[in-house]
Amino acid sequence: MRIVISEFISLDGVVQAPGGPDEDVDGGFAHGGWTHPFFDPEVVGGAFAEAAFKADALLFGRRTWQTMAGAWPGRAGDPFADRMNALPKYVVSGTLADSDLTWNTSLIPAADAVARLRELHGTEGGDLLVMGSPSLVRTLLAEGLVDELRLMHMPVLLGGGKSIFPADGGLRTLELVSTTTSPHGVQVSTYRPAKG
């Protein structure tokens, strides 16, 4: 399976709490819901939907999974929500148990995560889509397990917050595959690891 990352991201690299004010206030983050002024259904919504409809499964970290599992099942009847609800899901967690799982989800224990993700990455199938989940995405990038990075750069600076990028000093060269600009100034860019 190809591992594809899809993220709403500020110009200063923050991905924390794009959806709402109480989504993630770690570190005193006070800008939750910062994507709303820039969201348009055609370009930004279209990029998000395209990624979901190409996916064969979803992969989350615990916090993002809990937020999504609490939101999407109640939105049944909309084609995007129905797709989100129908896809098989994996959650990486060191605290959840199988008995905690809902929403068509399988647990990947945090202690075995890298090995299990390498195994999933090597299986046949389409895209394994990751949304949000900054700690998980940092690990995937650091381990060289990301096949595609879709970034929706919002024209805003947030002054700090959670990032998806490893801070290990490693050089990782990407190639730009496509880019589109929305009417609200969102740059939707797709990158893949550079060959050679």
N, C-alpha and C. Protein backbone atom coordinates (compact mmCIF):
# COMPACT_ATOMS: atom_id res chain seq x y z
N MET A 1 0.85 -1.19 0.00
CA MET A 1 0.00 0.00 0.00
C MET A 1 0.89 1.25 0.00
N ARG A 2 0.43 2.24 -0.72
CA ARG A 2 1.11 3.54 -0.67
C ARG A 2 0.65 4.29 0.57
N ILE A 3 1.57 4.90 1.29
CA ILE A 3 1.19 5.72 2.44
C ILE A 3 1.15 7.17 1.97
N VAL A 4 -0.04 7.77 2.08
CA VAL A 4 -0.29 9.13 1.62
C VAL A 4 -0.68 9.99 2.82
N ILE A 5 -0.02 11.11 2.96
CA ILE A 5 -0.29 12.06 4.04
C ILE A 5 -1.08 13.22 3.45
N SER A 6 -2.17 13.61 4.10
CA SER A 6 -2.96 14.77 3.67
C SER A 6 -3.14 15.69 4.87
N GLU A 7 -2.63 16.91 4.76
CA GLU A 7 -2.61 17.81 5.91
C GLU A 7 -3.02 19.23 5.55
N PHE A 8 -3.82 19.83 6.42
CA PHE A 8 -4.00 21.27 6.44
C PHE A 8 -2.81 21.81 7.21
N ILE A 9 -2.12 22.83 6.65
CA ILE A 9 -0.89 23.31 7.29
C ILE A 9 -0.77 24.81 7.12
N SER A 10 -0.32 25.49 8.16
CA SER A 10 -0.10 26.94 8.08
C SER A 10 1.22 27.20 7.36
N LEU A 11 1.46 28.45 7.00
CA LEU A 11 2.71 28.79 6.32
C LEU A 11 3.92 28.57 7.22
N ASP A 12 3.72 28.61 8.54
CA ASP A 12 4.83 28.34 9.44
C ASP A 12 4.86 26.89 9.92
N GLY A 13 4.17 26.00 9.19
CA GLY A 13 4.31 24.57 9.40
C GLY A 13 3.48 23.96 10.51
N VAL A 14 2.45 24.66 10.98
CA VAL A 14 1.62 24.16 12.07
C VAL A 14 0.42 23.39 11.51
N VAL A 15 0.14 22.22 12.11
CA VAL A 15 -1.01 21.40 11.70
C VAL A 15 -2.01 21.21 12.85
N GLN A 16 -1.73 21.78 13.99
CA GLN A 16 -2.53 21.55 15.19
C GLN A 16 -3.93 22.13 15.09
N ALA A 17 -4.92 21.34 15.47
CA ALA A 17 -6.31 21.77 15.65
C ALA A 17 -6.88 22.58 14.48
N PRO A 18 -6.84 22.03 13.26
CA PRO A 18 -7.40 22.79 12.15
C PRO A 18 -8.92 22.88 12.18
N GLY A 19 -9.58 21.95 12.87
CA GLY A 19 -11.03 21.84 12.76
C GLY A 19 -11.88 22.60 13.75
N GLY A 20 -11.37 22.86 14.95
CA GLY A 20 -12.22 23.51 15.94
C GLY A 20 -11.46 23.99 17.16
N PRO A 21 -12.05 24.89 17.93
CA PRO A 21 -11.35 25.53 19.05
C PRO A 21 -10.93 24.57 20.17
N ASP A 22 -11.67 23.50 20.38
CA ASP A 22 -11.34 22.58 21.47
C ASP A 22 -10.71 21.28 20.98
N GLU A 23 -10.35 21.24 19.71
CA GLU A 23 -9.82 20.01 19.12
C GLU A 23 -8.51 19.57 19.77
N ASP A 24 -7.59 20.50 19.99
CA ASP A 24 -6.29 20.18 20.59
C ASP A 24 -5.68 21.47 21.13
N VAL A 25 -5.74 21.64 22.44
CA VAL A 25 -5.22 22.86 23.07
C VAL A 25 -3.88 22.62 23.76
N ASP A 26 -3.22 21.48 23.45
CA ASP A 26 -1.90 21.21 24.03
C ASP A 26 -0.98 22.40 23.85
N GLY A 27 -0.18 22.67 24.88
CA GLY A 27 0.77 23.78 24.82
C GLY A 27 0.11 25.14 24.83
N GLY A 28 -1.17 25.20 25.20
CA GLY A 28 -1.89 26.47 25.21
C GLY A 28 -2.31 26.95 23.83
N PHE A 29 -2.35 26.04 22.86
CA PHE A 29 -2.72 26.44 21.50
C PHE A 29 -4.12 27.05 21.49
N ALA A 30 -4.22 28.27 20.98
CA ALA A 30 -5.47 29.04 21.07
C ALA A 30 -6.10 29.35 19.72
N HIS A 31 -5.64 28.71 18.66
CA HIS A 31 -6.12 29.06 17.32
C HIS A 31 -6.92 27.94 16.67
N GLY A 32 -7.50 27.03 17.44
CA GLY A 32 -8.23 25.91 16.88
C GLY A 32 -9.32 26.37 15.91
N GLY A 33 -9.42 25.68 14.79
CA GLY A 33 -10.38 26.04 13.75
C GLY A 33 -9.84 27.04 12.75
N TRP A 34 -8.53 27.22 12.74
CA TRP A 34 -7.88 28.25 11.93
C TRP A 34 -8.06 28.04 10.42
N THR A 35 -8.47 26.87 9.96
CA THR A 35 -8.64 26.62 8.53
C THR A 35 -9.95 27.17 7.97
N HIS A 36 -10.93 27.38 8.81
CA HIS A 36 -12.28 27.71 8.35
C HIS A 36 -12.36 28.91 7.39
N PRO A 37 -11.66 30.03 7.66
CA PRO A 37 -11.77 31.15 6.72
C PRO A 37 -11.23 30.87 5.32
N PHE A 38 -10.42 29.83 5.19
CA PHE A 38 -9.74 29.55 3.92
C PHE A 38 -10.31 28.35 3.19
N PHE A 39 -11.27 27.68 3.79
CA PHE A 39 -11.80 26.45 3.19
C PHE A 39 -12.78 26.79 2.07
N ASP A 40 -12.62 26.16 0.94
CA ASP A 40 -13.62 26.24 -0.13
C ASP A 40 -13.92 24.82 -0.57
N PRO A 41 -15.17 24.54 -0.90
CA PRO A 41 -15.54 23.16 -1.22
C PRO A 41 -14.92 22.64 -2.51
N GLU A 42 -14.62 23.52 -3.44
CA GLU A 42 -14.13 23.05 -4.73
C GLU A 42 -12.66 22.62 -4.70
N VAL A 43 -11.76 23.52 -4.32
CA VAL A 43 -10.33 23.20 -4.38
C VAL A 43 -9.88 22.46 -3.14
N VAL A 44 -10.07 23.05 -1.97
CA VAL A 44 -9.61 22.43 -0.73
C VAL A 44 -10.46 21.19 -0.41
N GLY A 45 -11.77 21.35 -0.43
CA GLY A 45 -12.65 20.20 -0.20
C GLY A 45 -12.45 19.12 -1.24
N GLY A 46 -12.21 19.54 -2.49
CA GLY A 46 -11.99 18.57 -3.56
C GLY A 46 -10.71 17.77 -3.36
N ALA A 47 -9.65 18.43 -2.89
CA ALA A 47 -8.39 17.72 -2.64
C ALA A 47 -8.55 16.72 -1.50
N PHE A 48 -9.25 17.13 -0.47
CA PHE A 48 -9.50 16.27 0.69
C PHE A 48 -10.34 15.06 0.26
N ALA A 49 -11.40 15.32 -0.50
CA ALA A 49 -12.28 14.24 -0.96
C ALA A 49 -11.56 13.30 -1.92
N GLU A 50 -10.76 13.84 -2.83
CA GLU A 50 -10.03 12.99 -3.78
C GLU A 50 -9.14 12.00 -3.04
N ALA A 51 -8.44 12.47 -2.01
CA ALA A 51 -7.58 11.59 -1.24
C ALA A 51 -8.38 10.48 -0.57
N ALA A 52 -9.53 10.83 -0.01
CA ALA A 52 -10.36 9.83 0.67
C ALA A 52 -10.95 8.81 -0.30
N PHE A 53 -11.35 9.25 -1.47
CA PHE A 53 -11.96 8.33 -2.43
C PHE A 53 -10.93 7.44 -3.11
N LYS A 54 -9.65 7.84 -3.11
CA LYS A 54 -8.59 6.99 -3.65
C LYS A 54 -8.05 6.00 -2.62
N ALA A 55 -8.39 6.22 -1.34
CA ALA A 55 -7.83 5.40 -0.27
C ALA A 55 -8.51 4.04 -0.18
N ASP A 56 -7.73 3.05 0.21
CA ASP A 56 -8.26 1.72 0.54
C ASP A 56 -8.44 1.57 2.04
N ALA A 57 -7.75 2.43 2.82
CA ALA A 57 -7.85 2.38 4.28
C ALA A 57 -7.34 3.71 4.84
N LEU A 58 -7.70 3.98 6.09
CA LEU A 58 -7.26 5.18 6.80
C LEU A 58 -6.36 4.77 7.95
N LEU A 59 -5.37 5.62 8.26
CA LEU A 59 -4.44 5.38 9.36
C LEU A 59 -4.40 6.63 10.22
N PHE A 60 -4.52 6.45 11.54
CA PHE A 60 -4.56 7.58 12.47
C PHE A 60 -3.67 7.31 13.67
N GLY A 61 -3.23 8.41 14.30
CA GLY A 61 -2.75 8.37 15.67
C GLY A 61 -3.97 8.40 16.58
N ARG A 62 -3.77 8.11 17.86
CA ARG A 62 -4.89 7.98 18.78
C ARG A 62 -5.76 9.23 18.88
N ARG A 63 -5.16 10.38 19.08
CA ARG A 63 -5.95 11.59 19.30
C ARG A 63 -6.79 11.93 18.07
N THR A 64 -6.19 11.88 16.90
CA THR A 64 -6.94 12.18 15.68
C THR A 64 -8.05 11.15 15.47
N TRP A 65 -7.73 9.87 15.72
CA TRP A 65 -8.76 8.84 15.58
C TRP A 65 -9.94 9.12 16.51
N GLN A 66 -9.67 9.47 17.76
CA GLN A 66 -10.76 9.73 18.70
C GLN A 66 -11.62 10.90 18.23
N THR A 67 -11.00 11.94 17.70
CA THR A 67 -11.75 13.09 17.18
C THR A 67 -12.60 12.68 15.98
N MET A 68 -11.99 11.96 15.04
CA MET A 68 -12.71 11.55 13.82
C MET A 68 -13.81 10.54 14.13
N ALA A 69 -13.51 9.56 14.99
CA ALA A 69 -14.50 8.53 15.34
C ALA A 69 -15.68 9.14 16.10
N GLY A 70 -15.45 10.27 16.75
CA GLY A 70 -16.52 10.96 17.44
C GLY A 70 -17.36 11.83 16.53
N ALA A 71 -16.83 12.15 15.34
CA ALA A 71 -17.51 13.09 14.46
C ALA A 71 -18.19 12.45 13.25
N TRP A 72 -17.48 11.57 12.53
CA TRP A 72 -17.97 11.11 11.23
C TRP A 72 -19.15 10.17 11.26
N PRO A 73 -19.26 9.24 12.21
CA PRO A 73 -20.42 8.34 12.17
C PRO A 73 -21.76 9.07 12.22
N GLY A 74 -21.82 10.21 12.85
CA GLY A 74 -23.07 10.97 12.93
C GLY A 74 -23.40 11.77 11.69
N ARG A 75 -22.54 11.74 10.70
CA ARG A 75 -22.76 12.51 9.47
C ARG A 75 -23.15 11.63 8.29
N ALA A 76 -23.60 10.42 8.57
CA ALA A 76 -23.97 9.50 7.50
C ALA A 76 -25.01 10.12 6.58
N GLY A 77 -24.94 9.74 5.29
CA GLY A 77 -25.87 10.26 4.30
C GLY A 77 -25.21 11.20 3.32
N ASP A 78 -24.07 11.78 3.67
CA ASP A 78 -23.27 12.61 2.79
C ASP A 78 -22.24 11.69 2.13
N PRO A 79 -22.00 11.80 0.82
CA PRO A 79 -21.08 10.86 0.15
C PRO A 79 -19.69 10.80 0.77
N PHE A 80 -19.15 11.96 1.19
CA PHE A 80 -17.82 11.96 1.80
C PHE A 80 -17.86 11.27 3.16
N ALA A 81 -18.86 11.59 3.98
CA ALA A 81 -18.99 10.96 5.29
C ALA A 81 -19.19 9.45 5.13
N ASP A 82 -20.01 9.06 4.16
CA ASP A 82 -20.24 7.63 3.94
C ASP A 82 -18.93 6.92 3.56
N ARG A 83 -18.10 7.59 2.77
CA ARG A 83 -16.80 7.02 2.40
C ARG A 83 -15.90 6.89 3.63
N MET A 84 -15.84 7.95 4.42
CA MET A 84 -15.03 7.92 5.64
C MET A 84 -15.49 6.80 6.57
N ASN A 85 -16.80 6.64 6.70
CA ASN A 85 -17.34 5.63 7.61
C ASN A 85 -17.11 4.21 7.09
N ALA A 86 -17.12 4.03 5.77
CA ALA A 86 -17.02 2.69 5.20
C ALA A 86 -15.59 2.15 5.15
N LEU A 87 -14.61 3.03 5.01
CA LEU A 87 -13.23 2.58 4.87
C LEU A 87 -12.74 1.85 6.12
N PRO A 88 -11.94 0.79 5.94
CA PRO A 88 -11.28 0.19 7.10
C PRO A 88 -10.27 1.20 7.67
N LYS A 89 -10.07 1.12 8.98
CA LYS A 89 -9.20 2.08 9.64
C LYS A 89 -8.21 1.36 10.55
N TYR A 90 -7.06 2.00 10.73
CA TYR A 90 -6.05 1.55 11.68
C TYR A 90 -5.75 2.72 12.60
N VAL A 91 -5.54 2.42 13.88
CA VAL A 91 -5.12 3.45 14.83
C VAL A 91 -3.89 2.95 15.57
N VAL A 92 -2.87 3.80 15.64
CA VAL A 92 -1.66 3.49 16.40
C VAL A 92 -1.84 4.08 17.79
N SER A 93 -1.73 3.23 18.79
CA SER A 93 -1.93 3.72 20.16
C SER A 93 -1.23 2.83 21.16
N GLY A 94 -0.75 3.46 22.21
CA GLY A 94 -0.19 2.73 23.34
C GLY A 94 -1.16 2.66 24.50
N THR A 95 -2.32 3.30 24.36
CA THR A 95 -3.28 3.35 25.47
C THR A 95 -4.62 2.71 25.14
N LEU A 96 -5.02 2.69 23.88
CA LEU A 96 -6.29 2.07 23.52
C LEU A 96 -6.17 0.54 23.54
N ALA A 97 -7.28 -0.11 23.82
CA ALA A 97 -7.37 -1.57 23.74
C ALA A 97 -8.37 -1.91 22.64
N ASP A 98 -8.34 -3.16 22.19
CA ASP A 98 -9.30 -3.59 21.16
C ASP A 98 -10.74 -3.31 21.58
N SER A 99 -11.01 -3.42 22.87
CA SER A 99 -12.37 -3.19 23.36
C SER A 99 -12.80 -1.72 23.25
N ASP A 100 -11.84 -0.79 23.07
CA ASP A 100 -12.16 0.64 22.91
C ASP A 100 -12.52 1.00 21.48
N LEU A 101 -12.26 0.09 20.55
CA LEU A 101 -12.35 0.43 19.14
C LEU A 101 -13.78 0.38 18.62
N THR A 102 -14.10 1.36 17.80
CA THR A 102 -15.36 1.47 17.08
C THR A 102 -15.00 1.88 15.66
N TRP A 103 -15.99 2.15 14.85
CA TRP A 103 -15.80 2.81 13.56
C TRP A 103 -14.92 1.97 12.62
N ASN A 104 -15.12 0.65 12.61
CA ASN A 104 -14.44 -0.22 11.65
C ASN A 104 -12.92 -0.10 11.75
N THR A 105 -12.39 -0.15 12.99
CA THR A 105 -10.98 0.14 13.25
C THR A 105 -10.24 -1.05 13.83
N SER A 106 -8.98 -1.20 13.39
CA SER A 106 -8.06 -2.19 13.95
C SER A 106 -6.94 -1.46 14.68
N LEU A 107 -6.49 -2.04 15.77
CA LEU A 107 -5.44 -1.43 16.59
C LEU A 107 -4.05 -1.87 16.13
N ILE A 108 -3.14 -0.91 16.05
CA ILE A 108 -1.71 -1.17 15.87
C ILE A 108 -1.05 -0.70 17.17
N PRO A 109 -0.57 -1.62 18.01
CA PRO A 109 0.07 -1.21 19.26
C PRO A 109 1.29 -0.33 19.00
N ALA A 110 1.42 0.75 19.75
CA ALA A 110 2.50 1.71 19.54
C ALA A 110 3.88 1.04 19.61
N ALA A 111 4.03 0.07 20.49
CA ALA A 111 5.33 -0.59 20.64
C ALA A 111 5.76 -1.33 19.37
N ASP A 112 4.80 -1.76 18.55
CA ASP A 112 5.09 -2.49 17.32
C ASP A 112 4.81 -1.67 16.07
N ALA A 113 4.57 -0.39 16.24
CA ALA A 113 4.03 0.42 15.14
C ALA A 113 4.92 0.45 13.91
N VAL A 114 6.21 0.73 14.06
CA VAL A 114 7.06 0.88 12.88
C VAL A 114 7.12 -0.42 12.09
N ALA A 115 7.29 -1.54 12.78
CA ALA A 115 7.34 -2.83 12.08
C ALA A 115 6.02 -3.13 11.39
N ARG A 116 4.92 -2.88 12.08
CA ARG A 116 3.59 -3.16 11.50
C ARG A 116 3.32 -2.23 10.32
N LEU A 117 3.72 -0.97 10.42
CA LEU A 117 3.51 -0.02 9.32
C LEU A 117 4.38 -0.38 8.11
N ARG A 118 5.59 -0.86 8.35
CA ARG A 118 6.43 -1.35 7.23
C ARG A 118 5.73 -2.52 6.54
N GLU A 119 5.14 -3.39 7.34
CA GLU A 119 4.44 -4.55 6.80
C GLU A 119 3.24 -4.10 5.95
N LEU A 120 2.43 -3.19 6.47
CA LEU A 120 1.29 -2.66 5.71
C LEU A 120 1.75 -1.98 4.43
N HIS A 121 2.82 -1.21 4.54
CA HIS A 121 3.37 -0.49 3.39
C HIS A 121 3.79 -1.45 2.29
N GLY A 122 4.23 -2.63 2.67
CA GLY A 122 4.69 -3.61 1.70
C GLY A 122 3.60 -4.48 1.11
N THR A 123 2.36 -4.34 1.57
CA THR A 123 1.27 -5.17 1.05
C THR A 123 0.68 -4.57 -0.22
N GLU A 124 -0.01 -5.42 -0.98
CA GLU A 124 -0.72 -4.95 -2.17
C GLU A 124 -1.91 -4.10 -1.75
N GLY A 125 -2.32 -3.21 -2.62
CA GLY A 125 -3.49 -2.39 -2.34
C GLY A 125 -3.26 -0.96 -2.76
N GLY A 126 -4.26 -0.16 -2.53
CA GLY A 126 -4.20 1.25 -2.89
C GLY A 126 -3.57 2.07 -1.80
N ASP A 127 -4.14 3.24 -1.56
CA ASP A 127 -3.56 4.19 -0.62
C ASP A 127 -4.00 3.91 0.81
N LEU A 128 -3.05 4.07 1.72
CA LEU A 128 -3.30 4.10 3.15
C LEU A 128 -3.16 5.56 3.53
N LEU A 129 -4.29 6.22 3.77
CA LEU A 129 -4.34 7.68 3.93
C LEU A 129 -4.24 8.07 5.39
N VAL A 130 -3.36 9.03 5.67
CA VAL A 130 -3.20 9.59 7.01
C VAL A 130 -3.63 11.05 6.97
N MET A 131 -4.53 11.43 7.87
CA MET A 131 -4.95 12.82 8.02
C MET A 131 -4.66 13.24 9.46
N GLY A 132 -4.17 14.47 9.64
CA GLY A 132 -3.84 14.90 10.99
C GLY A 132 -2.71 14.04 11.54
N SER A 133 -2.83 13.62 12.80
CA SER A 133 -1.90 12.66 13.41
C SER A 133 -0.44 13.09 13.31
N PRO A 134 -0.09 14.30 13.81
CA PRO A 134 1.26 14.82 13.59
C PRO A 134 2.39 13.94 14.13
N SER A 135 2.22 13.34 15.30
CA SER A 135 3.28 12.48 15.84
C SER A 135 3.51 11.27 14.94
N LEU A 136 2.42 10.66 14.49
CA LEU A 136 2.51 9.52 13.59
C LEU A 136 3.17 9.92 12.27
N VAL A 137 2.77 11.05 11.72
CA VAL A 137 3.33 11.50 10.44
C VAL A 137 4.83 11.77 10.57
N ARG A 138 5.26 12.38 11.68
CA ARG A 138 6.69 12.59 11.90
C ARG A 138 7.44 11.26 11.87
N THR A 139 6.88 10.24 12.51
CA THR A 139 7.52 8.92 12.51
C THR A 139 7.57 8.34 11.11
N LEU A 140 6.46 8.43 10.38
CA LEU A 140 6.43 7.89 9.01
C LEU A 140 7.46 8.58 8.12
N LEU A 141 7.56 9.91 8.23
CA LEU A 141 8.55 10.64 7.44
C LEU A 141 9.97 10.24 7.85
N ALA A 142 10.21 10.16 9.15
CA ALA A 142 11.55 9.81 9.64
C ALA A 142 11.97 8.42 9.19
N GLU A 143 11.00 7.50 9.08
CA GLU A 143 11.28 6.11 8.70
C GLU A 143 11.27 5.89 7.18
N GLY A 144 11.02 6.94 6.41
CA GLY A 144 11.00 6.81 4.95
C GLY A 144 9.82 6.02 4.43
N LEU A 145 8.69 6.09 5.12
CA LEU A 145 7.52 5.30 4.75
C LEU A 145 6.43 6.11 4.03
N VAL A 146 6.72 7.35 3.69
CA VAL A 146 5.71 8.19 3.04
C VAL A 146 5.94 8.19 1.53
N ASP A 147 4.89 7.84 0.79
CA ASP A 147 4.96 7.83 -0.67
C ASP A 147 4.46 9.12 -1.29
N GLU A 148 3.60 9.82 -0.57
CA GLU A 148 3.05 11.07 -1.10
C GLU A 148 2.65 11.98 0.05
N LEU A 149 2.93 13.26 -0.11
CA LEU A 149 2.63 14.27 0.90
C LEU A 149 1.78 15.33 0.23
N ARG A 150 0.49 15.41 0.66
CA ARG A 150 -0.42 16.42 0.11
C ARG A 150 -0.63 17.49 1.16
N LEU A 151 -0.10 18.67 0.89
CA LEU A 151 -0.16 19.76 1.85
C LEU A 151 -1.08 20.85 1.34
N MET A 152 -2.01 21.25 2.19
CA MET A 152 -2.90 22.36 1.89
C MET A 152 -2.44 23.56 2.71
N HIS A 153 -1.50 24.33 2.12
CA HIS A 153 -0.90 25.47 2.81
C HIS A 153 -1.91 26.61 2.88
N MET A 154 -2.31 26.95 4.10
CA MET A 154 -3.24 28.05 4.32
C MET A 154 -2.44 29.34 4.50
N PRO A 155 -2.92 30.46 3.96
CA PRO A 155 -2.17 31.72 4.06
C PRO A 155 -2.32 32.36 5.45
N VAL A 156 -1.72 31.71 6.44
CA VAL A 156 -1.81 32.19 7.81
C VAL A 156 -0.57 31.74 8.58
N LEU A 157 -0.11 32.58 9.50
CA LEU A 157 0.97 32.24 10.41
C LEU A 157 0.36 32.07 11.79
N LEU A 158 0.67 30.96 12.46
CA LEU A 158 0.06 30.66 13.75
C LEU A 158 1.00 30.85 14.93
N GLY A 159 2.28 31.07 14.66
CA GLY A 159 3.21 31.42 15.73
C GLY A 159 3.64 30.27 16.61
N GLY A 160 3.36 29.05 16.22
CA GLY A 160 3.77 27.89 17.00
C GLY A 160 2.64 26.90 17.14
N GLY A 161 3.01 25.66 17.33
CA GLY A 161 2.05 24.57 17.46
C GLY A 161 2.67 23.30 16.91
N LYS A 162 1.90 22.26 16.84
CA LYS A 162 2.41 20.95 16.42
C LYS A 162 2.74 20.93 14.93
N SER A 163 3.81 20.22 14.61
CA SER A 163 4.30 20.10 13.23
C SER A 163 4.36 18.61 12.86
N ILE A 164 4.37 18.35 11.58
CA ILE A 164 4.51 16.98 11.10
C ILE A 164 5.96 16.64 10.74
N PHE A 165 6.84 17.63 10.75
CA PHE A 165 8.17 17.41 10.20
C PHE A 165 9.17 16.93 11.24
N PRO A 166 9.96 15.90 10.91
CA PRO A 166 10.99 15.44 11.83
C PRO A 166 12.02 16.55 12.09
N ALA A 167 12.52 16.61 13.31
CA ALA A 167 13.53 17.60 13.66
C ALA A 167 14.83 16.87 14.00
N ASP A 168 15.20 15.91 13.13
CA ASP A 168 16.36 15.06 13.39
C ASP A 168 17.57 15.43 12.56
N GLY A 169 17.50 16.54 11.81
CA GLY A 169 18.63 16.97 10.99
C GLY A 169 18.75 16.21 9.68
N GLY A 170 17.82 15.30 9.39
CA GLY A 170 17.88 14.51 8.16
C GLY A 170 17.45 15.31 6.94
N LEU A 171 18.14 15.10 5.83
CA LEU A 171 17.80 15.74 4.56
C LEU A 171 16.90 14.81 3.78
N ARG A 172 15.73 15.29 3.41
CA ARG A 172 14.76 14.49 2.65
C ARG A 172 14.29 15.34 1.47
N THR A 173 14.73 14.97 0.28
CA THR A 173 14.39 15.75 -0.91
C THR A 173 13.08 15.23 -1.51
N LEU A 174 12.20 16.17 -1.83
CA LEU A 174 10.91 15.84 -2.42
C LEU A 174 10.81 16.46 -3.81
N GLU A 175 9.92 15.90 -4.63
CA GLU A 175 9.64 16.54 -5.91
C GLU A 175 8.18 16.98 -5.91
N LEU A 176 7.93 18.16 -6.46
CA LEU A 176 6.59 18.68 -6.58
C LEU A 176 5.91 18.01 -7.75
N VAL A 177 4.76 17.36 -7.49
CA VAL A 177 4.03 16.63 -8.52
C VAL A 177 2.92 17.50 -9.11
N SER A 178 2.23 18.26 -8.25
CA SER A 178 1.16 19.13 -8.73
C SER A 178 0.91 20.23 -7.71
N THR A 179 0.33 21.31 -8.18
CA THR A 179 -0.05 22.40 -7.28
C THR A 179 -1.24 23.14 -7.87
N THR A 180 -2.13 23.56 -6.99
CA THR A 180 -3.32 24.31 -7.36
C THR A 180 -3.54 25.37 -6.30
N THR A 181 -4.03 26.53 -6.71
CA THR A 181 -4.32 27.59 -5.75
C THR A 181 -5.82 27.83 -5.71
N SER A 182 -6.35 27.89 -4.50
CA SER A 182 -7.78 28.12 -4.33
C SER A 182 -8.09 29.62 -4.39
N PRO A 183 -9.36 29.99 -4.54
CA PRO A 183 -9.73 31.41 -4.54
C PRO A 183 -9.39 32.12 -3.22
N HIS A 184 -9.24 31.36 -2.13
CA HIS A 184 -8.90 31.94 -0.83
C HIS A 184 -7.41 31.92 -0.54
N GLY A 185 -6.60 31.59 -1.56
CA GLY A 185 -5.15 31.63 -1.42
C GLY A 185 -4.53 30.39 -0.82
N VAL A 186 -5.26 29.29 -0.77
CA VAL A 186 -4.70 28.03 -0.28
C VAL A 186 -3.93 27.37 -1.41
N GLN A 187 -2.68 27.01 -1.12
CA GLN A 187 -1.84 26.32 -2.09
C GLN A 187 -1.93 24.83 -1.80
N VAL A 188 -2.57 24.07 -2.67
CA VAL A 188 -2.70 22.62 -2.51
C VAL A 188 -1.59 21.99 -3.34
N SER A 189 -0.60 21.41 -2.65
CA SER A 189 0.58 20.88 -3.33
C SER A 189 0.79 19.42 -2.99
N THR A 190 1.14 18.64 -3.99
CA THR A 190 1.42 17.22 -3.81
C THR A 190 2.90 16.99 -4.09
N TYR A 191 3.56 16.31 -3.13
CA TYR A 191 4.98 16.00 -3.23
C TYR A 191 5.18 14.50 -3.10
N ARG A 192 6.24 14.02 -3.74
CA ARG A 192 6.66 12.63 -3.58
C ARG A 192 8.16 12.62 -3.34
N PRO A 193 8.67 11.60 -2.66
CA PRO A 193 10.12 11.52 -2.45
C PRO A 193 10.85 11.53 -3.80
N ALA A 194 11.92 12.34 -3.87
CA ALA A 194 12.69 12.43 -5.10
C ALA A 194 13.42 11.12 -5.34
N LYS A 195 13.48 10.71 -6.59
CA LYS A 195 14.18 9.49 -6.96
C LYS A 195 15.67 9.78 -7.06
N GLY A 196 16.47 8.81 -6.63
CA GLY A 196 17.92 8.88 -6.80
C GLY A 196 18.57 9.82 -5.88
